[in-house]
Amino acid sequence: MRGDHHSITVTEQLLDSKDFSGKKGQLKRLTEKIDESDTDFFKRVDSIIVNEDQKGEIVDSMLEETKKLKRQNSDLIEEVNQQINKTVTKLNEQADEIKTQRMTLRYRDNI
């Protein structure tokens, strides 16, 4: 009828989706470089202590500490890599949400 008010609610995607999964690779390459640096450092420490036939409580203590640090660093790298996966997934989801808009169109019959 003439003068009746109506509304329609629709959800529209305003922009195309973009996948940010490629960012995972970029970020993980950085953690790999950190891991390589750690590995190189610990190899040098081992070569200085072990290859020079150093012995004694201090040397044993240093070797034990370097093993602990190696494990801790490895665990941290793994944790960072997992966090990278979660963060990039959330980024994809948030970007998709922003690109979609819910709209309500209100109109009145003129017939």
C-alpha atoms as a PDB file:
ATOM      1  CA  MET A   1       0.000   0.000   0.000  1.00  0.00           C
ATOM      2  CA  ARG A   2       0.998   3.542  -0.578  1.00  0.00           C
ATOM      3  CA  GLY A   3       3.032   5.003   2.264  1.00  0.00           C
ATOM      4  CA  ASP A   4       3.940   1.640   3.861  1.00  0.00           C
ATOM      5  CA  HIS A   5       7.489   1.469   5.196  1.00  0.00           C
ATOM      6  CA  HIS A   6       9.696  -1.526   4.394  1.00  0.00           C
ATOM      7  CA  SER A   7      13.272  -2.526   5.037  1.00  0.00           C
ATOM      8  CA  ILE A   8      15.646  -5.060   3.579  1.00  0.00           C
ATOM      9  CA  THR A   9      18.868  -6.109   5.297  1.00  0.00           C
ATOM     10  CA  VAL A  10      21.664  -7.566   3.188  1.00  0.00           C
ATOM     11  CA  THR A  11      25.301  -8.402   3.727  1.00  0.00           C
ATOM     12  CA  GLU A  12      27.595  -7.370   0.903  1.00  0.00           C
ATOM     13  CA  GLN A  13      31.263  -7.989   0.320  1.00  0.00           C
ATOM     14  CA  LEU A  14      32.626  -4.578  -0.604  1.00  0.00           C
ATOM     15  CA  LEU A  15      36.179  -5.644  -1.430  1.00  0.00           C
ATOM     16  CA  ASP A  16      37.731  -8.844  -2.701  1.00  0.00           C
ATOM     17  CA  SER A  17      39.287 -11.184  -0.174  1.00  0.00           C
ATOM     18  CA  LYS A  18      43.045 -11.183   0.089  1.00  0.00           C
ATOM     19  CA  ASP A  19      44.983 -14.085   1.523  1.00  0.00           C
ATOM     20  CA  PHE A  20      47.810 -13.119   3.865  1.00  0.00           C
ATOM     21  CA  SER A  21      49.141 -16.678   4.223  1.00  0.00           C
ATOM     22  CA  GLY A  22      52.273 -15.643   2.341  1.00  0.00           C
ATOM     23  CA  LYS A  23      53.215 -13.565   5.368  1.00  0.00           C
ATOM     24  CA  LYS A  24      53.718 -16.798   7.307  1.00  0.00           C
ATOM     25  CA  GLY A  25      56.620 -17.733   5.064  1.00  0.00           C
ATOM     26  CA  GLN A  26      58.223 -14.315   5.367  1.00  0.00           C
ATOM     27  CA  LEU A  27      57.988 -14.348   9.149  1.00  0.00           C
ATOM     28  CA  LYS A  28      59.131 -17.961   9.470  1.00  0.00           C
ATOM     29  CA  ARG A  29      62.211 -17.227   7.362  1.00  0.00           C
ATOM     30  CA  LEU A  30      63.180 -14.701  10.012  1.00  0.00           C
ATOM     31  CA  THR A  31      62.795 -17.265  12.797  1.00  0.00           C
ATOM     32  CA  GLU A  32      64.867 -19.702  10.719  1.00  0.00           C
ATOM     33  CA  LYS A  33      67.653 -17.102  10.528  1.00  0.00           C
ATOM     34  CA  ILE A  34      67.503 -16.684  14.297  1.00  0.00           C
ATOM     35  CA  ASP A  35      67.660 -20.461  14.712  1.00  0.00           C
ATOM     36  CA  GLU A  36      70.629 -20.686  12.339  1.00  0.00           C
ATOM     37  CA  SER A  37      72.452 -17.986  14.329  1.00  0.00           C
ATOM     38  CA  ASP A  38      71.753 -19.857  17.567  1.00  0.00           C
ATOM     39  CA  THR A  39      72.995 -23.105  16.059  1.00  0.00           C
ATOM     40  CA  ASP A  40      76.161 -21.420  14.811  1.00  0.00           C
ATOM     41  CA  PHE A  41      76.768 -19.817  18.204  1.00  0.00           C
ATOM     42  CA  PHE A  42      76.324 -23.089  20.102  1.00  0.00           C
ATOM     43  CA  LYS A  43      78.587 -24.951  17.654  1.00  0.00           C
ATOM     44  CA  ARG A  44      81.297 -22.367  18.283  1.00  0.00           C
ATOM     45  CA  VAL A  45      80.870 -22.650  22.050  1.00  0.00           C
ATOM     46  CA  ASP A  46      81.026 -26.460  21.815  1.00  0.00           C
ATOM     47  CA  SER A  47      84.107 -26.343  19.577  1.00  0.00           C
ATOM     48  CA  ILE A  48      85.910 -24.041  21.995  1.00  0.00           C
ATOM     49  CA  ILE A  49      85.049 -26.098  25.059  1.00  0.00           C
ATOM     50  CA  VAL A  50      84.983 -29.660  23.697  1.00  0.00           C
ATOM     51  CA  ASN A  51      87.545 -29.599  20.901  1.00  0.00           C
ATOM     52  CA  GLU A  52      90.166 -28.028  23.104  1.00  0.00           C
ATOM     53  CA  ASP A  53      89.732 -30.888  25.559  1.00  0.00           C
ATOM     54  CA  GLN A  54      88.703 -28.617  28.374  1.00  0.00           C
ATOM     55  CA  LYS A  55      87.741 -30.486  31.529  1.00  0.00           C
ATOM     56  CA  GLY A  56      86.449 -29.698  34.960  1.00  0.00           C
ATOM     57  CA  GLU A  57      83.366 -28.571  36.813  1.00  0.00           C
ATOM     58  CA  ILE A  58      83.260 -25.160  35.173  1.00  0.00           C
ATOM     59  CA  VAL A  59      83.424 -26.672  31.692  1.00  0.00           C
ATOM     60  CA  ASP A  60      80.759 -29.249  32.565  1.00  0.00           C
ATOM     61  CA  SER A  61      78.584 -26.478  33.969  1.00  0.00           C
ATOM     62  CA  MET A  62      79.073 -24.367  30.820  1.00  0.00           C
ATOM     63  CA  LEU A  63      78.182 -27.315  28.581  1.00  0.00           C
ATOM     64  CA  GLU A  64      75.056 -28.010  30.630  1.00  0.00           C
ATOM     65  CA  GLU A  65      74.014 -24.346  30.481  1.00  0.00           C
ATOM     66  CA  THR A  66      74.530 -24.181  26.721  1.00  0.00           C
ATOM     67  CA  LYS A  67      72.376 -27.321  26.304  1.00  0.00           C
ATOM     68  CA  LYS A  68      69.631 -25.691  28.404  1.00  0.00           C
ATOM     69  CA  LEU A  69      69.856 -22.490  26.367  1.00  0.00           C
ATOM     70  CA  LYS A  70      69.712 -24.504  23.145  1.00  0.00           C
ATOM     71  CA  ARG A  71      66.507 -26.227  24.293  1.00  0.00           C
ATOM     72  CA  GLN A  72      64.969 -22.967  25.500  1.00  0.00           C
ATOM     73  CA  ASN A  73      65.770 -21.194  22.240  1.00  0.00           C
ATOM     74  CA  SER A  74      64.409 -24.090  20.221  1.00  0.00           C
ATOM     75  CA  ASP A  75      61.189 -24.040  22.264  1.00  0.00           C
ATOM     76  CA  LEU A  76      60.894 -20.280  21.786  1.00  0.00           C
ATOM     77  CA  ILE A  77      61.342 -20.580  18.025  1.00  0.00           C
ATOM     78  CA  GLU A  78      58.642 -23.264  17.929  1.00  0.00           C
ATOM     79  CA  GLU A  79      56.312 -21.110  20.014  1.00  0.00           C
ATOM     80  CA  VAL A  80      56.916 -18.093  17.767  1.00  0.00           C
ATOM     81  CA  ASN A  81      56.186 -20.191  14.672  1.00  0.00           C
ATOM     82  CA  GLN A  82      52.911 -21.382  16.181  1.00  0.00           C
ATOM     83  CA  GLN A  83      52.028 -17.811  17.095  1.00  0.00           C
ATOM     84  CA  ILE A  84      52.799 -16.724  13.530  1.00  0.00           C
ATOM     85  CA  ASN A  85      50.294 -19.283  12.226  1.00  0.00           C
ATOM     86  CA  LYS A  86      47.598 -18.118  14.650  1.00  0.00           C
ATOM     87  CA  THR A  87      48.242 -14.431  14.026  1.00  0.00           C
ATOM     88  CA  VAL A  88      48.149 -14.690  10.226  1.00  0.00           C
ATOM     89  CA  THR A  89      44.959 -16.767  10.416  1.00  0.00           C
ATOM     90  CA  LYS A  90      43.353 -14.099  12.632  1.00  0.00           C
ATOM     91  CA  LEU A  91      44.570 -11.382  10.283  1.00  0.00           C
ATOM     92  CA  ASN A  92      42.858 -13.142   7.367  1.00  0.00           C
ATOM     93  CA  GLU A  93      39.628 -13.441   9.353  1.00  0.00           C
ATOM     94  CA  GLN A  94      39.677  -9.822  10.513  1.00  0.00           C
ATOM     95  CA  ALA A  95      40.449  -8.511   7.031  1.00  0.00           C
ATOM     96  CA  ASP A  96      37.538 -10.522   5.600  1.00  0.00           C
ATOM     97  CA  GLU A  97      35.198  -9.184   8.285  1.00  0.00           C
ATOM     98  CA  ILE A  98      36.137  -5.603   7.481  1.00  0.00           C
ATOM     99  CA  LYS A  99      35.520  -6.143   3.767  1.00  0.00           C
ATOM    100  CA  THR A 100      31.982  -7.353   4.400  1.00  0.00           C
ATOM    101  CA  GLN A 101      29.335  -4.823   5.356  1.00  0.00           C
ATOM    102  CA  ARG A 102      25.808  -5.386   6.604  1.00  0.00           C
ATOM    103  CA  MET A 103      23.373  -2.839   5.180  1.00  0.00           C
ATOM    104  CA  THR A 104      19.718  -2.106   5.889  1.00  0.00           C
ATOM    105  CA  LEU A 105      17.781  -0.374   3.135  1.00  0.00           C
ATOM    106  CA  ARG A 106      14.587   1.377   4.229  1.00  0.00           C
ATOM    107  CA  TYR A 107      12.005   2.584   1.766  1.00  0.00           C
ATOM    108  CA  ARG A 108       8.371   3.662   1.511  1.00  0.00           C
ATOM    109  CA  ASP A 109       5.903   2.570  -1.132  1.00  0.00           C
ATOM    110  CA  ASN A 110       4.866   5.343  -3.495  1.00  0.00           C
ATOM    111  CA  ILE A 111       2.342   3.248  -5.394  1.00  0.00           C
END
